[in-house]
C-alpha atoms as a PDB file:
ATOM      1  CA  UNK A   1     128.084  95.634 103.226  1.00  0.00           C
ATOM      2  CA  UNK A   2     127.473  95.339  99.518  1.00  0.00           C
ATOM      3  CA  UNK A   3     126.612  91.553  99.407  1.00  0.00           C
ATOM      4  CA  UNK A   4     124.222  92.040 102.371  1.00  0.00           C
ATOM      5  CA  UNK A   5     122.621  94.960 100.431  1.00  0.00           C
ATOM      6  CA  UNK A   6     122.292  92.898  97.460  1.00  0.00           C
ATOM      7  CA  UNK A   7     120.963  89.716  99.192  1.00  0.00           C
ATOM      8  CA  UNK A   8     118.479  91.626 101.373  1.00  0.00           C
ATOM      9  CA  UNK A   9     117.290  93.877  98.445  1.00  0.00           C
ATOM     10  CA  UNK A  10     117.701  97.087 100.446  1.00  0.00           C
ATOM     11  CA  UNK A  11     119.509 100.289  99.755  1.00  0.00           C
ATOM     12  CA  UNK A  12     120.580 103.086 102.028  1.00  0.00           C
ATOM     13  CA  UNK A  13     117.545 105.141 103.073  1.00  0.00           C
ATOM     14  CA  UNK A  14     115.341 102.659 101.202  1.00  0.00           C
ATOM     15  CA  UNK A  15     112.686 100.338 102.484  1.00  0.00           C
ATOM     16  CA  UNK A  16     112.436  96.512 101.418  1.00  0.00           C
ATOM     17  CA  UNK A  17     109.477  95.371  99.515  1.00  0.00           C
ATOM     18  CA  UNK A  18     107.622  93.709 102.557  1.00  0.00           C
ATOM     19  CA  UNK A  19     108.043  97.101 104.595  1.00  0.00           C
ATOM     20  CA  UNK A  20     106.636  99.102 101.723  1.00  0.00           C
ATOM     21  CA  UNK A  21     103.565  96.731 101.461  1.00  0.00           C
ATOM     22  CA  UNK A  22     103.130  97.287 105.195  1.00  0.00           C
ATOM     23  CA  UNK A  23     103.518 101.128 104.851  1.00  0.00           C
ATOM     24  CA  UNK A  24     100.913 101.350 101.967  1.00  0.00           C
ATOM     25  CA  UNK A  25      98.482  99.177 103.556  1.00  0.00           C
ATOM     26  CA  UNK A  26      98.535 101.478 106.759  1.00  0.00           C
ATOM     27  CA  UNK A  27      98.771 104.481 104.832  1.00  0.00           C
ATOM     28  CA  UNK A  28      95.598 103.616 102.864  1.00  0.00           C
ATOM     29  CA  UNK A  29      93.589 103.765 105.944  1.00  0.00           C
ATOM     30  CA  UNK A  30      95.194 106.259 108.220  1.00  0.00           C
ATOM     31  CA  UNK A  31      96.985 109.523 108.118  1.00  0.00           C
ATOM     32  CA  UNK A  32     100.761 109.369 107.715  1.00  0.00           C
ATOM     33  CA  UNK A  33     101.430 110.373 111.214  1.00  0.00           C
ATOM     34  CA  UNK A  34      99.502 107.455 112.665  1.00  0.00           C
ATOM     35  CA  UNK A  35     101.188 105.141 110.181  1.00  0.00           C
ATOM     36  CA  UNK A  36     104.412 105.703 111.978  1.00  0.00           C
ATOM     37  CA  UNK A  37     102.656 104.672 115.364  1.00  0.00           C
ATOM     38  CA  UNK A  38     101.381 101.442 113.770  1.00  0.00           C
ATOM     39  CA  UNK A  39     104.641 100.397 112.604  1.00  0.00           C
ATOM     40  CA  UNK A  40     106.344 100.866 115.839  1.00  0.00           C
ATOM     41  CA  UNK A  41     103.373  98.944 117.711  1.00  0.00           C
ATOM     42  CA  UNK A  42     103.211  96.136 114.994  1.00  0.00           C
ATOM     43  CA  UNK A  43     106.927  95.899 113.839  1.00  0.00           C
ATOM     44  CA  UNK A  44     109.094  97.389 116.708  1.00  0.00           C
ATOM     45  CA  UNK A  45     110.727 100.016 114.679  1.00  0.00           C
ATOM     46  CA  UNK A  46     110.216 103.717 113.877  1.00  0.00           C
ATOM     47  CA  UNK A  47     110.201 105.341 110.350  1.00  0.00           C
ATOM     48  CA  UNK A  48     109.892 109.073 109.612  1.00  0.00           C
ATOM     49  CA  UNK A  49     106.687 110.527 108.416  1.00  0.00           C
ATOM     50  CA  UNK A  50     108.500 112.018 105.301  1.00  0.00           C
ATOM     51  CA  UNK A  51     109.553 108.418 104.377  1.00  0.00           C
ATOM     52  CA  UNK A  52     105.886 106.965 104.802  1.00  0.00           C
ATOM     53  CA  UNK A  53     104.650 109.718 102.652  1.00  0.00           C
ATOM     54  CA  UNK A  54     107.119 109.187 100.000  1.00  0.00           C
ATOM     55  CA  UNK A  55     106.679 105.408  99.790  1.00  0.00           C
ATOM     56  CA  UNK A  56     102.709 105.702 100.064  1.00  0.00           C
ATOM     57  CA  UNK A  57     102.768 108.429  97.314  1.00  0.00           C
ATOM     58  CA  UNK A  58     104.949 106.766  95.037  1.00  0.00           C
ATOM     59  CA  UNK A  59     102.864 103.638  95.000  1.00  0.00           C
ATOM     60  CA  UNK A  60      99.678 105.605  94.534  1.00  0.00           C
ATOM     61  CA  UNK A  61     101.093 107.250  91.461  1.00  0.00           C
ATOM     62  CA  UNK A  62     102.277 103.865  90.304  1.00  0.00           C
ATOM     63  CA  UNK A  63      98.837 102.400  90.554  1.00  0.00           C
ATOM     64  CA  UNK A  64      97.457 105.449  88.755  1.00  0.00           C
ATOM     65  CA  UNK A  65     100.033 105.347  85.917  1.00  0.00           C
ATOM     66  CA  UNK A  66      99.399 101.605  85.477  1.00  0.00           C
ATOM     67  CA  UNK A  67      95.662 102.128  84.778  1.00  0.00           C
ATOM     68  CA  UNK A  68      94.908 100.092  81.594  1.00  0.00           C
ATOM     69  CA  UNK A  69      93.113 101.619  78.491  1.00  0.00           C
ATOM     70  CA  UNK A  70      89.479 100.867  77.799  1.00  0.00           C
ATOM     71  CA  UNK A  71      89.685  97.647  75.825  1.00  0.00           C
ATOM     72  CA  UNK A  72      87.970  97.172  72.568  1.00  0.00           C
ATOM     73  CA  UNK A  73      84.844  95.072  72.466  1.00  0.00           C
ATOM     74  CA  UNK A  74      86.081  91.427  72.543  1.00  0.00           C
ATOM     75  CA  UNK A  75      86.048  89.290  69.340  1.00  0.00           C
ATOM     76  CA  UNK A  76      86.821  85.924  70.984  1.00  0.00           C
ATOM     77  CA  UNK A  77      84.440  83.841  73.284  1.00  0.00           C
ATOM     78  CA  UNK A  78      84.412  84.989  76.854  1.00  0.00           C
ATOM     79  CA  UNK A  79      85.583  82.835  79.900  1.00  0.00           C
ATOM     80  CA  UNK A  80      82.101  83.072  81.177  1.00  0.00           C
ATOM     81  CA  UNK A  81      78.842  83.122  79.823  1.00  0.00           C
ATOM     82  CA  UNK A  82      77.073  85.229  82.186  1.00  0.00           C
ATOM     83  CA  UNK A  83      78.514  88.414  83.881  1.00  0.00           C
ATOM     84  CA  UNK A  84      76.781  90.510  86.704  1.00  0.00           C
ATOM     85  CA  UNK A  85      77.783  93.928  86.827  1.00  0.00           C
ATOM     86  CA  UNK A  86      77.048  97.195  88.779  1.00  0.00           C
ATOM     87  CA  UNK A  87      77.870 100.888  88.868  1.00  0.00           C
ATOM     88  CA  UNK A  88      76.958 103.833  91.165  1.00  0.00           C
ATOM     89  CA  UNK A  89      78.108 107.114  92.344  1.00  0.00           C
ATOM     90  CA  UNK A  90      78.912 108.082  95.904  1.00  0.00           C
ATOM     91  CA  UNK A  91      80.201 111.253  97.379  1.00  0.00           C
ATOM     92  CA  UNK A  92      83.936 111.387  98.808  1.00  0.00           C
ATOM     93  CA  UNK A  93      85.592 114.124 100.666  1.00  0.00           C
ATOM     94  CA  UNK A  94      88.743 116.095  99.250  1.00  0.00           C
ATOM     95  CA  UNK A  95      90.886 118.385 101.184  1.00  0.00           C
ATOM     96  CA  UNK A  96      93.031 120.739  99.482  1.00  0.00           C
ATOM     97  CA  UNK A  97      95.476 123.199 100.913  1.00  0.00           C
ATOM     98  CA  UNK A  98      95.644 126.863 100.309  1.00  0.00           C
ATOM     99  CA  UNK A  99      98.143 127.561  97.369  1.00  0.00           C
ATOM    100  CA  UNK A 100      98.574 131.348  98.830  1.00  0.00           C
ATOM    101  CA  UNK A 101      99.849 129.901 102.099  1.00  0.00           C
ATOM    102  CA  UNK A 102     103.563 128.938 102.638  1.00  0.00           C
ATOM    103  CA  UNK A 103     102.547 126.433 105.223  1.00  0.00           C
ATOM    104  CA  UNK A 104     100.215 123.533 104.069  1.00  0.00           C
ATOM    105  CA  UNK A 105      98.948 122.748 107.560  1.00  0.00           C
ATOM    106  CA  UNK A 106      96.540 125.769 107.749  1.00  0.00           C
ATOM    107  CA  UNK A 107      94.038 127.024 105.373  1.00  0.00           C
ATOM    108  CA  UNK A 108      92.787 123.663 104.011  1.00  0.00           C
ATOM    109  CA  UNK A 109      89.353 123.530 102.420  1.00  0.00           C
ATOM    110  CA  UNK A 110      87.079 120.501 102.220  1.00  0.00           C
ATOM    111  CA  UNK A 111      85.014 119.750  99.226  1.00  0.00           C
ATOM    112  CA  UNK A 112      83.111 116.754  97.970  1.00  0.00           C
ATOM    113  CA  UNK A 113      83.423 115.089  94.749  1.00  0.00           C
ATOM    114  CA  UNK A 114      81.470 112.154  93.156  1.00  0.00           C
ATOM    115  CA  UNK A 115      83.264 108.910  92.772  1.00  0.00           C
ATOM    116  CA  UNK A 116      81.659 106.360  90.377  1.00  0.00           C
ATOM    117  CA  UNK A 117      82.385 102.925  91.543  1.00  0.00           C
ATOM    118  CA  UNK A 118      81.809  99.675  89.173  1.00  0.00           C
ATOM    119  CA  UNK A 119      82.126  96.088  89.857  1.00  0.00           C
ATOM    120  CA  UNK A 120      81.734  92.869  87.617  1.00  0.00           C
ATOM    121  CA  UNK A 121      81.971  89.249  88.316  1.00  0.00           C
ATOM    122  CA  UNK A 122      81.089  85.924  86.821  1.00  0.00           C
ATOM    123  CA  UNK A 123      77.640  84.736  87.616  1.00  0.00           C
ATOM    124  CA  UNK A 124      78.115  82.576  91.033  1.00  0.00           C
ATOM    125  CA  UNK A 125      81.669  84.103  91.791  1.00  0.00           C
ATOM    126  CA  UNK A 126      82.335  85.640  94.945  1.00  0.00           C
ATOM    127  CA  UNK A 127      85.565  87.549  93.592  1.00  0.00           C
ATOM    128  CA  UNK A 128      84.427  90.752  91.805  1.00  0.00           C
ATOM    129  CA  UNK A 129      86.696  93.122  89.595  1.00  0.00           C
ATOM    130  CA  UNK A 130      86.466  96.538  90.985  1.00  0.00           C
ATOM    131  CA  UNK A 131      86.761  99.861  89.399  1.00  0.00           C
ATOM    132  CA  UNK A 132      86.599 103.496  90.450  1.00  0.00           C
ATOM    133  CA  UNK A 133      87.470 107.074  89.706  1.00  0.00           C
ATOM    134  CA  UNK A 134      86.690 110.736  90.202  1.00  0.00           C
ATOM    135  CA  UNK A 135      88.159 111.649  86.741  1.00  0.00           C
ATOM    136  CA  UNK A 136      85.889 112.072  83.780  1.00  0.00           C
ATOM    137  CA  UNK A 137      82.106 111.882  83.470  1.00  0.00           C
ATOM    138  CA  UNK A 138      79.639 109.511  82.340  1.00  0.00           C
ATOM    139  CA  UNK A 139      81.345 108.267  79.603  1.00  0.00           C
ATOM    140  CA  UNK A 140      84.398 107.614  81.427  1.00  0.00           C
ATOM    141  CA  UNK A 141      82.484 105.630  84.118  1.00  0.00           C
ATOM    142  CA  UNK A 142      81.071 103.619  81.422  1.00  0.00           C
ATOM    143  CA  UNK A 143      84.527 102.804  80.044  1.00  0.00           C
ATOM    144  CA  UNK A 144      85.693 101.510  83.451  1.00  0.00           C
ATOM    145  CA  UNK A 145      82.421  99.433  83.878  1.00  0.00           C
ATOM    146  CA  UNK A 146      83.165  97.638  80.378  1.00  0.00           C
ATOM    147  CA  UNK A 147      86.763  97.261  81.530  1.00  0.00           C
ATOM    148  CA  UNK A 148      85.675  95.391  84.480  1.00  0.00           C
ATOM    149  CA  UNK A 149      83.446  93.278  82.618  1.00  0.00           C
ATOM    150  CA  UNK A 150      86.267  92.287  80.248  1.00  0.00           C
ATOM    151  CA  UNK A 151      88.426  91.340  83.041  1.00  0.00           C
ATOM    152  CA  UNK A 152      86.030  89.355  84.680  1.00  0.00           C
ATOM    153  CA  UNK A 153      85.452  87.038  81.692  1.00  0.00           C
ATOM    154  CA  UNK A 154      83.165  89.058  79.237  1.00  0.00           C
ATOM    155  CA  UNK A 155      83.508  87.936  75.634  1.00  0.00           C
ATOM    156  CA  UNK A 156      81.735  87.904  72.129  1.00  0.00           C
ATOM    157  CA  UNK A 157      79.234  85.321  73.382  1.00  0.00           C
ATOM    158  CA  UNK A 158      78.742  86.504  76.869  1.00  0.00           C
ATOM    159  CA  UNK A 159      75.810  88.424  78.390  1.00  0.00           C
ATOM    160  CA  UNK A 160      76.110  91.148  80.970  1.00  0.00           C
ATOM    161  CA  UNK A 161      73.335  91.450  83.484  1.00  0.00           C
ATOM    162  CA  UNK A 162      73.603  94.917  85.297  1.00  0.00           C
ATOM    163  CA  UNK A 163      71.565  95.962  88.343  1.00  0.00           C
ATOM    164  CA  UNK A 164      71.579  99.337  90.187  1.00  0.00           C
ATOM    165  CA  UNK A 165      69.285 102.049  91.353  1.00  0.00           C
ATOM    166  CA  UNK A 166      67.666 102.830  87.978  1.00  0.00           C
ATOM    167  CA  UNK A 167      69.554 106.181  87.193  1.00  0.00           C
ATOM    168  CA  UNK A 168      69.124 107.034  83.569  1.00  0.00           C
ATOM    169  CA  UNK A 169      72.868 107.493  82.849  1.00  0.00           C
ATOM    170  CA  UNK A 170      73.531 104.054  84.241  1.00  0.00           C
ATOM    171  CA  UNK A 171      71.041 102.505  81.978  1.00  0.00           C
ATOM    172  CA  UNK A 172      72.185 104.518  78.990  1.00  0.00           C
ATOM    173  CA  UNK A 173      75.920 103.270  79.645  1.00  0.00           C
ATOM    174  CA  UNK A 174      74.762  99.675  79.748  1.00  0.00           C
ATOM    175  CA  UNK A 175      72.981  99.966  76.388  1.00  0.00           C
ATOM    176  CA  UNK A 176      75.893 101.850  74.943  1.00  0.00           C
ATOM    177  CA  UNK A 177      78.630  99.559  76.076  1.00  0.00           C
ATOM    178  CA  UNK A 178      77.057  96.094  75.651  1.00  0.00           C
ATOM    179  CA  UNK A 179      74.194  96.614  73.317  1.00  0.00           C
ATOM    180  CA  UNK A 180      72.168  93.566  72.713  1.00  0.00           C
ATOM    181  CA  UNK A 181      74.440  91.464  75.221  1.00  0.00           C
ATOM    182  CA  UNK A 182      73.502  93.552  78.103  1.00  0.00           C
ATOM    183  CA  UNK A 183      70.386  93.957  80.205  1.00  0.00           C
ATOM    184  CA  UNK A 184      69.374  96.185  83.196  1.00  0.00           C
ATOM    185  CA  UNK A 185      67.297  95.705  86.218  1.00  0.00           C
ATOM    186  CA  UNK A 186      66.833  97.638  89.501  1.00  0.00           C
ATOM    187  CA  UNK A 187      67.855  95.903  92.653  1.00  0.00           C
ATOM    188  CA  UNK A 188      65.797  95.376  95.664  1.00  0.00           C
ATOM    189  CA  UNK A 189      67.604  97.523  97.993  1.00  0.00           C
ATOM    190  CA  UNK A 190      67.002 100.681  96.250  1.00  0.00           C
ATOM    191  CA  UNK A 191      63.310  99.810  95.891  1.00  0.00           C
ATOM    192  CA  UNK A 192      62.907  99.292  99.426  1.00  0.00           C
ATOM    193  CA  UNK A 193      64.464 102.847 100.235  1.00  0.00           C
ATOM    194  CA  UNK A 194      61.604 104.319  98.336  1.00  0.00           C
ATOM    195  CA  UNK A 195      59.097 102.019 100.130  1.00  0.00           C
ATOM    196  CA  UNK A 196      60.275 102.658 103.455  1.00  0.00           C
ATOM    197  CA  UNK A 197      59.947 106.483 103.097  1.00  0.00           C
ATOM    198  CA  UNK A 198      56.368 106.029 101.777  1.00  0.00           C
ATOM    199  CA  UNK A 199      55.682 103.638 104.601  1.00  0.00           C
ATOM    200  CA  UNK A 200      56.142 106.260 107.073  1.00  0.00           C
ATOM    201  CA  UNK A 201      53.359 108.379 105.440  1.00  0.00           C
ATOM    202  CA  UNK A 202      51.055 105.686 104.749  1.00  0.00           C
ATOM    203  CA  UNK A 203      51.240 103.730 108.224  1.00  0.00           C
ATOM    204  CA  UNK A 204      52.718 106.170 110.720  1.00  0.00           C
ATOM    205  CA  UNK A 205      52.572 103.631 113.602  1.00  0.00           C
ATOM    206  CA  UNK A 206      55.792 101.610 113.686  1.00  0.00           C
ATOM    207  CA  UNK A 207      53.918  98.119 114.008  1.00  0.00           C
ATOM    208  CA  UNK A 208      51.623  98.975 111.036  1.00  0.00           C
ATOM    209  CA  UNK A 209      54.274 100.376 109.013  1.00  0.00           C
ATOM    210  CA  UNK A 210      56.359  97.322 109.439  1.00  0.00           C
ATOM    211  CA  UNK A 211      53.443  95.145 108.334  1.00  0.00           C
ATOM    212  CA  UNK A 212      52.898  97.123 105.227  1.00  0.00           C
ATOM    213  CA  UNK A 213      56.565  96.942 104.269  1.00  0.00           C
ATOM    214  CA  UNK A 214      56.479  93.191 104.649  1.00  0.00           C
ATOM    215  CA  UNK A 215      53.437  93.019 102.390  1.00  0.00           C
ATOM    216  CA  UNK A 216      54.953  95.094  99.679  1.00  0.00           C
ATOM    217  CA  UNK A 217      58.326  93.158  99.822  1.00  0.00           C
ATOM    218  CA  UNK A 218      56.407  89.712  99.242  1.00  0.00           C
ATOM    219  CA  UNK A 219      54.423  91.220  96.363  1.00  0.00           C
ATOM    220  CA  UNK A 220      57.977  92.496  94.833  1.00  0.00           C
ATOM    221  CA  UNK A 221      59.488  89.300  95.452  1.00  0.00           C
ATOM    222  CA  UNK A 222      56.653  87.320  93.508  1.00  0.00           C
ATOM    223  CA  UNK A 223      56.707  89.661  90.708  1.00  0.00           C
ATOM    224  CA  UNK A 224      53.472  91.581  91.606  1.00  0.00           C
ATOM    225  CA  UNK A 225      54.664  95.184  90.854  1.00  0.00           C
ATOM    226  CA  UNK A 226      51.249  96.329  89.895  1.00  0.00           C
ATOM    227  CA  UNK A 227      49.622  95.332  93.537  1.00  0.00           C
ATOM    228  CA  UNK A 228      52.339  97.522  95.090  1.00  0.00           C
ATOM    229  CA  UNK A 229      51.367 100.343  92.738  1.00  0.00           C
ATOM    230  CA  UNK A 230      47.838  99.945  93.668  1.00  0.00           C
ATOM    231  CA  UNK A 231      48.647 100.154  97.342  1.00  0.00           C
ATOM    232  CA  UNK A 232      50.537 103.241  96.902  1.00  0.00           C
ATOM    233  CA  UNK A 233      47.885 105.095  94.502  1.00  0.00           C
ATOM    234  CA  UNK A 234      45.217 105.947  97.052  1.00  0.00           C
ATOM    235  CA  UNK A 235      47.933 107.728  99.428  1.00  0.00           C
ATOM    236  CA  UNK A 236      49.571 109.792  96.683  1.00  0.00           C
ATOM    237  CA  UNK A 237      50.126 113.448  97.586  1.00  0.00           C
ATOM    238  CA  UNK A 238      48.648 116.012  95.346  1.00  0.00           C
ATOM    239  CA  UNK A 239      50.582 117.779  92.594  1.00  0.00           C
ATOM    240  CA  UNK A 240      50.867 120.977  94.506  1.00  0.00           C
ATOM    241  CA  UNK A 241      53.111 119.289  97.067  1.00  0.00           C
ATOM    242  CA  UNK A 242      56.733 119.332  96.496  1.00  0.00           C
ATOM    243  CA  UNK A 243      58.695 116.155  95.995  1.00  0.00           C
ATOM    244  CA  UNK A 244      60.589 116.269  99.273  1.00  0.00           C
ATOM    245  CA  UNK A 245      57.314 116.421 100.867  1.00  0.00           C
ATOM    246  CA  UNK A 246      55.622 113.737  98.977  1.00  0.00           C
ATOM    247  CA  UNK A 247      57.328 110.317  99.465  1.00  0.00           C
ATOM    248  CA  UNK A 248      54.318 108.336  98.426  1.00  0.00           C
ATOM    249  CA  UNK A 249      53.910 109.871  95.093  1.00  0.00           C
ATOM    250  CA  UNK A 250      57.727 109.767  94.580  1.00  0.00           C
ATOM    251  CA  UNK A 251      57.885 106.198  95.231  1.00  0.00           C
ATOM    252  CA  UNK A 252      54.721 105.467  92.843  1.00  0.00           C
ATOM    253  CA  UNK A 253      56.341 107.418  90.133  1.00  0.00           C
ATOM    254  CA  UNK A 254      59.858 105.645  90.599  1.00  0.00           C
ATOM    255  CA  UNK A 255      58.161 102.114  90.577  1.00  0.00           C
ATOM    256  CA  UNK A 256      55.732 103.004  87.603  1.00  0.00           C
ATOM    257  CA  UNK A 257      58.654 104.174  85.511  1.00  0.00           C
ATOM    258  CA  UNK A 258      60.809 101.269  86.173  1.00  0.00           C
ATOM    259  CA  UNK A 259      58.214  98.337  86.890  1.00  0.00           C
ATOM    260  CA  UNK A 260      59.975  96.219  84.071  1.00  0.00           C
ATOM    261  CA  UNK A 261      63.601  96.692  85.656  1.00  0.00           C
ATOM    262  CA  UNK A 262      62.950  95.313  89.264  1.00  0.00           C
ATOM    263  CA  UNK A 263      64.522  92.371  90.546  1.00  0.00           C
ATOM    264  CA  UNK A 264      66.063  90.851  93.813  1.00  0.00           C
ATOM    265  CA  UNK A 265      69.774  91.692  94.133  1.00  0.00           C
ATOM    266  CA  UNK A 266      72.330  91.185  96.924  1.00  0.00           C
ATOM    267  CA  UNK A 267      73.625  94.667  96.442  1.00  0.00           C
ATOM    268  CA  UNK A 268      77.222  93.858  95.821  1.00  0.00           C
ATOM    269  CA  UNK A 269      77.851  97.522  94.951  1.00  0.00           C
ATOM    270  CA  UNK A 270      77.133  98.558  98.350  1.00  0.00           C
ATOM    271  CA  UNK A 271      80.030  96.283  99.523  1.00  0.00           C
ATOM    272  CA  UNK A 272      82.272  97.842  97.097  1.00  0.00           C
ATOM    273  CA  UNK A 273      81.143 101.505  98.119  1.00  0.00           C
ATOM    274  CA  UNK A 274      81.710 100.515 101.973  1.00  0.00           C
ATOM    275  CA  UNK A 275      85.193  98.933 101.167  1.00  0.00           C
ATOM    276  CA  UNK A 276      86.233 102.165  98.968  1.00  0.00           C
ATOM    277  CA  UNK A 277      84.728 104.582 101.766  1.00  0.00           C
ATOM    278  CA  UNK A 278      86.326 103.065 104.812  1.00  0.00           C
ATOM    279  CA  UNK A 279      87.381 105.888 107.239  1.00  0.00           C
ATOM    280  CA  UNK A 280      87.279 108.171 104.273  1.00  0.00           C
ATOM    281  CA  UNK A 281      86.243 111.251 106.027  1.00  0.00           C
ATOM    282  CA  UNK A 282      88.689 111.009 108.843  1.00  0.00           C
ATOM    283  CA  UNK A 283      91.575 110.091 106.666  1.00  0.00           C
ATOM    284  CA  UNK A 284      90.987 112.716 104.224  1.00  0.00           C
ATOM    285  CA  UNK A 285      90.708 115.469 106.650  1.00  0.00           C
ATOM    286  CA  UNK A 286      94.095 114.491 108.195  1.00  0.00           C
ATOM    287  CA  UNK A 287      95.934 114.004 104.781  1.00  0.00           C
ATOM    288  CA  UNK A 288      95.780 117.539 103.056  1.00  0.00           C
ATOM    289  CA  UNK A 289      99.193 116.894 101.140  1.00  0.00           C
ATOM    290  CA  UNK A 290      97.807 113.968  99.175  1.00  0.00           C
ATOM    291  CA  UNK A 291      93.902 113.768  99.233  1.00  0.00           C
ATOM    292  CA  UNK A 292      94.000 111.467  96.141  1.00  0.00           C
ATOM    293  CA  UNK A 293      96.553 108.828  97.328  1.00  0.00           C
ATOM    294  CA  UNK A 294      94.343 106.952 100.080  1.00  0.00           C
ATOM    295  CA  UNK A 295      91.636 106.630  97.290  1.00  0.00           C
ATOM    296  CA  UNK A 296      94.035 105.320  94.842  1.00  0.00           C
ATOM    297  CA  UNK A 297      95.707 102.814  97.512  1.00  0.00           C
ATOM    298  CA  UNK A 298      92.394 101.697  98.747  1.00  0.00           C
ATOM    299  CA  UNK A 299      90.625 101.097  95.410  1.00  0.00           C
ATOM    300  CA  UNK A 300      94.008  99.418  94.127  1.00  0.00           C
ATOM    301  CA  UNK A 301      94.071  97.030  97.163  1.00  0.00           C
ATOM    302  CA  UNK A 302      90.347  96.335  96.534  1.00  0.00           C
ATOM    303  CA  UNK A 303      90.649  95.439  92.965  1.00  0.00           C
ATOM    304  CA  UNK A 304      93.945  93.628  93.063  1.00  0.00           C
ATOM    305  CA  UNK A 305      96.064  96.295  91.328  1.00  0.00           C
ATOM    306  CA  UNK A 306      98.529  96.940  94.217  1.00  0.00           C
ATOM    307  CA  UNK A 307     100.054  93.513  94.180  1.00  0.00           C
ATOM    308  CA  UNK A 308     100.361  93.522  90.300  1.00  0.00           C
ATOM    309  CA  UNK A 309     101.970  96.931  90.488  1.00  0.00           C
ATOM    310  CA  UNK A 310     104.365  95.861  93.495  1.00  0.00           C
ATOM    311  CA  UNK A 311     105.675  92.843  91.356  1.00  0.00           C
ATOM    312  CA  UNK A 312     106.234  94.915  88.213  1.00  0.00           C
ATOM    313  CA  UNK A 313     108.077  97.747  90.170  1.00  0.00           C
ATOM    314  CA  UNK A 314     110.330  95.391  92.107  1.00  0.00           C
END
């Protein structure tokens, strides 16, 4: 038996590395109980839910513990001259059991916390480096973005071109982390969100609203932000109307304050957000014992951390 155990790299009540990989991949997307069903369907054998939980939580903790400290500002030339970066926040559900109850299945509470997602990649690359987390505030999010940029190839002679929704805290972190080597512009997707809300007031008819939107998009794409502001100005609501009832005024104010920061962007941050948030509500509601584990596993898989940790813990 012993030569087989050594050759197969398994131990009693243990799981091989390929099996652990399959378990963690399934556990990142589904509740532990459903992982057992998927293993039986795809691999033809059954594993207890407690074992699945132990393996998944172990790798989630390893990913968390392997988080690298924020690097210092590079002194050597970077691998790439131009780095594209994005950062934004999104709400994720967190389920916590009632500490006063002996059983963990009842008395669970659902709350929402903001997870700040960041990415960076070399200009022209389709392989971004991801970073995310709920821990820490704005400063911690800025450090994670900086770490992403360094991993993507940022150096002493590189420039970072950041895009996003124009939130002041993001602009401040770009300036603080990258200084004169960083710049920030608003991406086209977020601008169109404001324009779409304003179009429903300016042109209630669907066909007319579509024509109006296309006209403003063309103006933005050709750098004529002032033309869009002029089209909005006659329709701005009065100051006595609250912001939630004044989409045209809100849109005008948004564009006027950021007209030097608007550009066309592919919205890579949204792809990252969609990846990290896949099935997040359903999985979180069913995983009361470890609400953080799934996020760590999904995030680790997205940014390639899982494979690195798996190799180091083999």
